[in-house]
Amino acid sequence: MKLYLLLFSVFLIGCLGPVTELYPEDEEQRPIDIYVISHGWHVGIAIEAVHISEALPTHEEMPDAEFLKFGWGDDLYYPEEESNFGLLLRAAVLPTRSVIHVVGIDIPLERYFTGSDIIKIRITEQGAEKFAEFISDRFRRTEDGRILHAAPGRYGNSAFFEANGLYYIPKTSNTWTARALRRTGYPITPFYAVTSGNVIRQAQKDGEVIRLR
């Protein structure tokens, strides 16, 4: 009986519909575009900077561009361009500190991320505000409110910052991105979103495919 209740609870958690006050059915009431971008193992999320810049903490290394893309991951494995198996194993097995990757982009996203899956989703202004709050709250702050630069970014106009939360499987960059998208009211289930492929499949439910590899 207890096992049945546990499985039923998981099922209910996994069947998340839209938050109607944030994500109405009528697309005309959702004027803002947000983008889910997959780079293979990892998924990030992007939005026009005008919809989020005011909510972001200030820092001299914070990118300034038309679009801003956000990703989250292990503090050692994620910033390393040539990560070794030891760092991969550490990130997969041990709860580790985390970082946020912020990328500034001034050209269309499909031209910038030429080898990536990209799904566009339309959200409301209120959904964009909730998303901005989620991203802002993920930066780790010192007692006096400062955020901390962790490492140079993977791209020209990008940077890593120290983040809140421990990274461990199944709490991955993909579930983090799903949680960020869920804050907009979109009907996505973070519980299932361990892999990048699952995030992309869920994003396609009510999103527009810009590119699928």
Foldseek 3Di string as FASTA:
>chain_A
DVVVVVVVVVVVLQFFAFPCVWAPPDLVQFAFKKKWKDPFFAIKIKGQCVLAVVLADDDPLAFDARMKIKWKAALPQQQDPDDDPVVVVCLAAPFHWMKMKIAHDHDPPCVVCVPIWMWMDGTHSQLSVLLNNLVRQFFDADPVGDWAWRAQHPDDRMGITGTDDTGYPQRGRQLSNQVSNVSSRHRHRSVPRSGSVNSVVSSVPRIHTPDDD
